C-alpha cells in the first residue's frame, strides 16, 4: 500500500510538491481557498527568474541557487498538460537621467555569479535589444542570465495535470496541523506549504506586500523583462503571451492585505508609460496585491520535524528558488517514507534546511 501524504497549501510550493510526489504516493491536498488559490503569493506575482538582479539584496548563496534553479523550470513545464510560457533571454535595467545615480548604485551592488557578467549598454545597444526603448534611455544594464515564466499558465496547467492524478482534494477551509495530523486525520507525512497561513505556528513569519497590474497592450513591443529605477521602489514590466504585461513593484514593507491603492496604481502605470507610450491605450486586466511570506532574514527555510516537513519564507524569490527547494522536500519525503529517516541536506542547501527532533 502506498504511503499517504498530506500537502497543506496549494500555492506554488504545494503544486510543485504534488507534482513531484503524486506518482509515488497517495496524496491528500488541503487548500484554504478554492482550487485556483488565486490569493496565494504565487498567483500574485510576475514570476521573474532574476538571480543576478536579486543578488543586489540577497546573499550570494541564494543568487547562485537561483541560477541553478532556472534550469529546472523547462523540465517541470515539460511534464505538464498544457502550454506554459518560459523564456531566458535576459533582463534590461534602465533609468531616466535623474535616476542615473540609482542605476550606478544598483550596478555596484550586483554580486558576481558563476560565468555571468552584467553588461553596461549605451543608447544604440539598448535599441538593438529593445527597439521601443532606444529613443528613451541613454544608459542601461543587461543581465543575460535572467528569465521568466507565465505564472497564470503554470497555475492552470499544474492544476489540470494534478486533477488527472489519484488525489483527494479538500478546499474552502483552513485546517490545523498537529505533527502528522491535519484536521484530526493522521498521515504518514505532512508537508506544510501554507505560506502566511502558517503564521500561527511560525511567529517569526511576516508578510511583504507586492502589487501588480496585468494589462493588455497590443501597441507595446517588449521582448524581455525591463526594470526601471524609481525613487520609491524599483518597478518591473514583464511581457507575457498575447500582448499581456505584468507591471509591479519589487516590494513594499507592509503587511496590509488590502486592495491596490490609488497611489500605487498611478505610480505603476505612470512608470510604464514613461517606458513605452503604448501603455496609454492598454486595457487593465487586473490589479492585485498580495503578501509574500518572509522571515526576518528574508531567507527561505525547510524544517524537518519527525513526520512533518515545512517549507516557507520564500520572500520575493518564490519562482526563482522554489524548484530546488521543493526538490529537496521531495527527496526528504521519499527517503523518510522508504527508509524511515531524513537524509543529510544537499550540500548547496545545507544552510536552509534544519532538522528538529
Protein backbone atom coordinates (compact mmCIF):
# COMPACT_ATOMS: atom_id res chain seq x y z
CA UNK A 1 0.00 0.00 0.00
CA UNK A 2 1.26 3.45 -0.89
CA UNK A 3 2.21 5.83 1.89
CA UNK A 4 -0.27 8.68 2.42
CA UNK A 5 0.98 12.28 2.34
CA UNK A 6 -0.99 15.42 3.19
CA UNK A 7 0.06 18.61 1.39
CA UNK A 8 -1.38 21.67 3.12
CA UNK A 9 -1.49 24.68 0.80
CA UNK A 10 -1.97 24.59 -2.97
CA UNK A 11 0.08 27.61 -3.96
CA UNK A 12 3.40 27.50 -5.79
CA UNK A 13 5.30 25.16 -3.44
CA UNK A 14 2.25 22.98 -2.81
CA UNK A 15 1.77 22.43 -6.54
CA UNK A 16 5.42 21.64 -7.13
CA UNK A 17 5.46 19.21 -4.21
CA UNK A 18 2.33 17.48 -5.50
CA UNK A 19 3.82 17.19 -8.99
CA UNK A 20 6.93 15.59 -7.53
CA UNK A 21 5.14 13.10 -5.29
CA UNK A 22 1.81 12.21 -6.93
CA UNK A 23 3.07 9.24 -8.94
CA UNK A 24 4.74 7.55 -5.98
CA UNK A 25 2.46 8.24 -3.04
CA UNK A 26 -1.20 8.71 -2.17
CA UNK A 27 -1.88 12.42 -1.75
CA UNK A 28 -4.48 14.50 0.05
CA UNK A 29 -4.31 18.23 -0.71
CA UNK A 30 -5.78 20.85 1.60
CA UNK A 31 -6.28 24.48 0.49
CA UNK A 32 -7.93 27.25 2.49
CA UNK A 33 -9.46 28.88 -0.61
CA UNK A 34 -10.64 27.26 -3.84
CA UNK A 35 -8.73 25.20 -6.37
CA UNK A 36 -7.41 28.32 -8.10
CA UNK A 37 -5.67 29.55 -4.91
CA UNK A 38 -5.92 32.99 -6.52
CA UNK A 39 -4.84 34.86 -3.40
CA UNK A 40 -1.66 32.84 -2.88
CA UNK A 41 1.68 34.61 -3.32
CA UNK A 42 2.46 32.56 -6.42
CA UNK A 43 -0.71 33.74 -8.13
CA UNK A 44 0.01 37.41 -7.40
CA UNK A 45 3.46 37.54 -8.99
CA UNK A 46 5.36 38.40 -12.13
CA UNK A 47 7.24 35.07 -11.99
CA UNK A 48 10.58 36.62 -12.86
CA UNK A 49 13.66 34.40 -12.64
CA UNK A 50 16.22 37.03 -11.74
CA UNK A 51 19.17 35.66 -9.76
CA UNK A 52 21.57 38.45 -10.68
CA UNK A 53 19.14 41.31 -10.12
CA UNK A 54 18.09 39.77 -6.80
CA UNK A 55 21.76 39.49 -5.77
CA UNK A 56 21.63 43.22 -5.05
CA UNK A 57 19.68 42.45 -1.88
CA UNK A 58 20.17 38.74 -1.17
CA UNK A 59 23.20 36.71 -0.14
CA UNK A 60 25.47 35.14 -2.81
CA UNK A 61 24.37 31.60 -1.97
CA UNK A 62 20.73 32.41 -2.75
CA UNK A 63 21.67 34.07 -6.04
CA UNK A 64 23.75 31.05 -7.06
CA UNK A 65 20.93 28.74 -6.00
CA UNK A 66 18.53 30.74 -8.16
CA UNK A 67 20.83 30.42 -11.15
CA UNK A 68 20.85 26.66 -10.64
CA UNK A 69 17.05 26.56 -10.25
CA UNK A 70 16.25 28.25 -13.57
CA UNK A 71 17.31 25.11 -15.42
CA UNK A 72 14.63 23.09 -13.62
CA UNK A 73 11.69 25.08 -14.98
CA UNK A 74 11.77 23.69 -18.55
CA UNK A 75 11.86 20.18 -17.08
CA UNK A 76 8.89 20.89 -14.81
CA UNK A 77 6.88 22.55 -17.56
CA UNK A 78 7.63 19.68 -19.93
CA UNK A 79 5.66 17.29 -17.70
CA UNK A 80 2.53 19.45 -17.53
CA UNK A 81 -0.68 19.07 -19.52
CA UNK A 82 -0.80 22.47 -21.17
CA UNK A 83 1.47 25.15 -22.54
CA UNK A 84 3.36 27.40 -20.13
CA UNK A 85 5.35 30.32 -21.49
CA UNK A 86 9.01 30.29 -20.40
CA UNK A 87 11.91 32.37 -21.63
CA UNK A 88 15.51 33.05 -20.67
CA UNK A 89 16.60 35.98 -22.82
CA UNK A 90 18.00 38.20 -20.09
CA UNK A 91 16.60 41.35 -18.48
CA UNK A 92 17.22 45.03 -19.05
CA UNK A 93 17.65 47.60 -16.27
CA UNK A 94 17.12 51.25 -17.28
CA UNK A 95 16.82 54.67 -15.64
CA UNK A 96 15.84 58.17 -16.58
CA UNK A 97 18.68 60.76 -16.32
CA UNK A 98 17.58 61.96 -12.88
CA UNK A 99 17.91 58.39 -11.59
CA UNK A 100 21.33 57.53 -13.08
CA UNK A 101 22.84 57.55 -9.57
CA UNK A 102 20.40 54.80 -8.55
CA UNK A 103 21.35 52.80 -11.63
CA UNK A 104 25.04 53.11 -10.77
CA UNK A 105 24.35 52.07 -7.19
CA UNK A 106 22.40 49.06 -8.47
CA UNK A 107 25.38 48.10 -10.66
CA UNK A 108 27.81 48.46 -7.76
CA UNK A 109 25.74 46.14 -5.61
CA UNK A 110 25.40 43.33 -8.16
CA UNK A 111 27.19 40.23 -6.94
CA UNK A 112 29.23 38.18 -9.41
CA UNK A 113 27.64 34.90 -10.42
CA UNK A 114 29.46 31.99 -12.00
CA UNK A 115 30.15 32.77 -15.68
CA UNK A 116 27.61 35.61 -15.64
CA UNK A 117 28.57 39.23 -16.23
CA UNK A 118 26.37 42.31 -16.19
CA UNK A 119 26.82 44.44 -19.31
CA UNK A 120 26.55 48.23 -19.45
CA UNK A 121 24.68 49.37 -22.56
CA UNK A 122 24.55 52.68 -24.41
CA UNK A 123 21.57 54.02 -26.35
CA UNK A 124 22.47 52.15 -29.54
CA UNK A 125 22.91 48.85 -27.71
CA UNK A 126 19.60 49.30 -25.88
CA UNK A 127 17.97 49.93 -29.24
CA UNK A 128 19.39 46.68 -30.59
CA UNK A 129 17.89 44.71 -27.70
CA UNK A 130 14.62 46.60 -27.34
CA UNK A 131 13.94 48.99 -30.24
CA UNK A 132 10.99 50.52 -28.38
CA UNK A 133 13.36 51.80 -25.68
CA UNK A 134 16.28 53.04 -27.75
CA UNK A 135 14.93 56.58 -28.12
CA UNK A 136 14.05 56.95 -24.43
CA UNK A 137 17.06 55.72 -22.48
CA UNK A 138 20.73 56.63 -22.74
CA UNK A 139 22.10 54.01 -20.34
CA UNK A 140 21.14 50.58 -19.22
CA UNK A 141 22.39 47.30 -17.79
CA UNK A 142 21.79 43.93 -19.42
CA UNK A 143 21.68 40.79 -17.26
CA UNK A 144 21.94 37.89 -19.72
CA UNK A 145 21.11 35.00 -17.36
CA UNK A 146 17.65 36.22 -16.32
CA UNK A 147 14.32 34.77 -17.39
CA UNK A 148 10.63 34.49 -16.56
CA UNK A 149 7.55 32.32 -16.98
CA UNK A 150 3.80 32.88 -17.06
CA UNK A 151 2.57 32.11 -13.57
CA UNK A 152 -1.11 32.18 -14.58
CA UNK A 153 -0.46 29.49 -17.19
CA UNK A 154 1.61 27.46 -14.71
CA UNK A 155 -1.20 27.54 -12.14
CA UNK A 156 -3.69 26.40 -14.77
CA UNK A 157 -1.50 23.68 -16.30
CA UNK A 158 -0.35 22.29 -12.95
CA UNK A 159 -3.95 22.13 -11.76
CA UNK A 160 -5.09 20.31 -14.90
CA UNK A 161 -2.21 17.85 -14.59
CA UNK A 162 -2.86 17.07 -10.94
CA UNK A 163 -6.61 16.71 -11.43
CA UNK A 164 -5.83 13.66 -13.54
CA UNK A 165 -3.96 12.05 -10.64
CA UNK A 166 -5.48 9.97 -7.86
CA UNK A 167 -5.59 12.78 -5.29
CA UNK A 168 -8.11 13.56 -2.56
CA UNK A 169 -8.97 17.28 -2.54
CA UNK A 170 -10.11 19.45 0.37
CA UNK A 171 -10.95 23.08 -0.45
CA UNK A 172 -12.56 26.01 1.29
CA UNK A 173 -11.49 25.65 4.90
CA UNK A 174 -8.43 26.40 6.98
CA UNK A 175 -7.05 23.39 8.79
CA UNK A 176 -4.75 22.92 11.75
CA UNK A 177 -1.58 20.84 11.70
CA UNK A 178 -0.51 18.87 14.74
CA UNK A 179 2.54 16.77 13.98
CA UNK A 180 1.43 14.27 11.34
CA UNK A 181 -2.26 15.12 11.78
CA UNK A 182 -4.26 17.51 9.60
CA UNK A 183 -7.73 18.42 10.86
CA UNK A 184 -7.50 15.43 13.19
CA UNK A 185 -6.63 12.93 10.44
CA UNK A 186 -3.29 11.11 10.67
CA UNK A 187 -0.94 10.77 7.68
CA UNK A 188 2.38 9.06 7.10
CA UNK A 189 3.80 12.51 6.33
CA UNK A 190 2.55 16.11 6.28
CA UNK A 191 4.11 18.78 4.06
CA UNK A 192 3.26 22.30 5.20
CA UNK A 193 3.13 24.70 2.23
CA UNK A 194 0.75 27.24 3.77
CA UNK A 195 2.92 30.33 3.37
CA UNK A 196 1.47 33.07 5.57
CA UNK A 197 -1.26 30.65 6.59
CA UNK A 198 1.36 29.07 8.85
CA UNK A 199 1.87 32.29 10.83
CA UNK A 200 0.03 30.97 13.93
CA UNK A 201 2.71 28.24 14.14
CA UNK A 202 5.64 30.34 12.90
CA UNK A 203 5.62 33.53 14.91
CA UNK A 204 8.68 34.98 13.15
CA UNK A 205 6.95 34.85 9.77
CA UNK A 206 5.89 38.18 8.27
CA UNK A 207 4.27 39.40 5.08
CA UNK A 208 5.93 41.65 2.49
CA UNK A 209 3.42 43.35 0.22
CA UNK A 210 3.57 43.24 -3.55
CA UNK A 211 1.25 44.98 -6.01
CA UNK A 212 0.86 44.15 -9.67
CA UNK A 213 -1.16 45.29 -12.64
CA UNK A 214 -1.79 42.98 -15.58
CA UNK A 215 -2.62 44.82 -18.78
CA UNK A 216 -3.35 44.08 -22.42
CA UNK A 217 -1.16 46.36 -24.53
CA UNK A 218 -1.02 45.40 -28.23
CA UNK A 219 0.83 48.63 -29.07
CA UNK A 220 3.79 47.74 -26.81
CA UNK A 221 6.64 45.60 -28.11
CA UNK A 222 8.96 44.44 -25.34
CA UNK A 223 10.58 41.04 -25.62
CA UNK A 224 12.10 40.61 -22.14
CA UNK A 225 11.63 41.86 -18.55
CA UNK A 226 12.54 45.52 -18.01
CA UNK A 227 13.26 47.11 -14.62
CA UNK A 228 13.07 50.85 -14.14
CA UNK A 229 14.90 52.61 -11.33
CA UNK A 230 12.30 54.55 -9.33
CA UNK A 231 12.58 56.91 -6.35
CA UNK A 232 10.17 54.89 -4.21
CA UNK A 233 10.92 51.35 -5.37
CA UNK A 234 12.18 49.54 -8.50
CA UNK A 235 9.37 48.87 -10.97
CA UNK A 236 9.36 45.97 -13.41
CA UNK A 237 7.49 45.30 -16.62
CA UNK A 238 7.30 41.68 -17.70
CA UNK A 239 5.93 40.69 -21.13
CA UNK A 240 3.60 37.69 -21.22
CA UNK A 241 1.97 35.94 -24.20
CA UNK A 242 -0.85 37.54 -26.19
CA UNK A 243 0.33 41.15 -25.67
CA UNK A 244 -0.16 40.99 -21.92
CA UNK A 245 2.25 42.64 -19.48
CA UNK A 246 2.66 42.41 -15.71
CA UNK A 247 3.71 45.69 -14.09
CA UNK A 248 4.74 45.61 -10.47
CA UNK A 249 6.82 46.88 -7.59
CA UNK A 250 9.50 44.62 -6.19
CA UNK A 251 8.45 45.01 -2.55
CA UNK A 252 6.69 47.22 -0.04
CA UNK A 253 7.45 46.66 3.66
CA UNK A 254 3.85 46.42 4.74
CA UNK A 255 1.55 43.66 5.96
CA UNK A 256 -1.54 45.41 4.59
CA UNK A 257 -3.73 42.84 2.82
CA UNK A 258 -6.00 45.48 1.29
CA UNK A 259 -6.58 46.22 -2.37
CA UNK A 260 -4.07 48.06 -4.54
CA UNK A 261 -4.00 51.74 -3.61
CA UNK A 262 -4.63 54.65 -5.96
CA UNK A 263 -1.11 55.92 -5.31
CA UNK A 264 0.49 52.63 -6.28
CA UNK A 265 -1.74 52.28 -9.33
CA UNK A 266 -0.79 55.75 -10.56
CA UNK A 267 2.91 55.14 -9.93
CA UNK A 268 2.96 51.74 -11.62
CA UNK A 269 1.04 52.80 -14.71
CA UNK A 270 2.79 56.19 -14.99
CA UNK A 271 6.16 54.50 -14.83
CA UNK A 272 5.09 52.05 -17.51
CA UNK A 273 4.03 54.97 -19.71
CA UNK A 274 7.49 56.57 -19.38
CA UNK A 275 9.00 53.33 -20.69
CA UNK A 276 6.64 52.98 -23.65
CA UNK A 277 3.83 55.40 -24.54
CA UNK A 278 1.89 52.46 -25.98
CA UNK A 279 0.79 51.69 -22.42
CA UNK A 280 -1.50 54.75 -22.59
CA UNK A 281 -4.02 52.70 -24.60
CA UNK A 282 -3.57 49.48 -22.63
CA UNK A 283 -6.58 47.72 -21.15
CA UNK A 284 -6.31 46.86 -17.45
CA UNK A 285 -7.00 43.16 -16.95
CA UNK A 286 -6.44 43.08 -13.20
CA UNK A 287 -4.98 44.96 -10.24
CA UNK A 288 -3.82 42.66 -7.45
CA UNK A 289 -1.97 42.87 -4.17
CA UNK A 290 -0.56 40.09 -2.06
CA UNK A 291 1.76 39.31 0.82
CA UNK A 292 4.88 37.24 0.34
CA UNK A 293 5.77 35.04 3.34
CA UNK A 294 9.14 36.11 4.74
CA UNK A 295 11.30 35.51 7.78
CA UNK A 296 13.33 38.27 9.46
CA UNK A 297 16.47 37.44 7.42
CA UNK A 298 14.48 37.09 4.16
CA UNK A 299 15.90 33.58 3.67
CA UNK A 300 13.71 30.54 2.95
CA UNK A 301 13.63 27.65 5.34
CA UNK A 302 12.88 23.92 5.18
CA UNK A 303 12.21 22.31 8.55
CA UNK A 304 12.25 18.54 9.06
CA UNK A 305 10.38 17.52 12.19
CA UNK A 306 9.57 13.83 12.53
CA UNK A 307 6.59 13.28 10.17
CA UNK A 308 6.25 16.95 9.27
CA UNK A 309 8.16 18.90 6.61
CA UNK A 310 7.64 22.66 6.41
CA UNK A 311 8.77 24.92 3.59
CA UNK A 312 8.27 28.65 3.97
CA UNK A 313 9.74 32.15 3.82
CA UNK A 314 10.49 32.31 0.10
CA UNK A 315 10.08 36.11 0.27
CA UNK A 316 10.14 37.55 -3.26
CA UNK A 317 12.22 34.63 -4.57
CA UNK A 318 9.33 32.20 -4.96
CA UNK A 319 9.57 31.25 -8.62
CA UNK A 320 13.34 31.69 -8.58
CA UNK A 321 14.08 29.27 -5.71
CA UNK A 322 11.02 27.02 -5.43
CA UNK A 323 12.17 24.31 -7.89
CA UNK A 324 15.36 23.42 -5.97
CA UNK A 325 13.78 23.88 -2.55
CA UNK A 326 10.84 21.63 -3.40
CA UNK A 327 13.22 19.10 -4.99
CA UNK A 328 14.83 18.85 -1.56
CA UNK A 329 11.44 18.45 0.13
CA UNK A 330 10.53 15.66 -2.31
CA UNK A 331 13.90 13.97 -1.77
CA UNK A 332 13.50 14.10 2.01
CA UNK A 333 9.91 12.83 1.81
CA UNK A 334 10.90 9.88 -0.35
CA UNK A 335 13.76 8.90 1.92
CA UNK A 336 11.74 9.27 5.12
CA UNK A 337 8.85 7.14 3.88
CA UNK A 338 11.01 4.49 2.23
CA UNK A 339 13.98 4.42 4.61
CA UNK A 340 12.28 5.71 7.79
CA UNK A 341 14.55 8.69 8.36
CA UNK A 342 15.54 12.00 6.82
CA UNK A 343 18.74 12.43 4.83
CA UNK A 344 21.52 14.97 5.33
CA UNK A 345 20.60 18.12 3.41
CA UNK A 346 22.02 18.60 -0.08
CA UNK A 347 25.30 20.50 0.14
CA UNK A 348 24.02 23.55 -1.73
CA UNK A 349 21.01 23.79 0.62
CA UNK A 350 22.68 22.98 3.93
CA UNK A 351 22.15 26.47 5.33
CA UNK A 352 18.42 26.46 4.52
CA UNK A 353 17.45 23.06 5.95
CA UNK A 354 17.10 22.44 9.66
CA UNK A 355 16.14 19.27 11.47
CA UNK A 356 14.13 19.32 14.67
CA UNK A 357 13.95 16.13 16.73
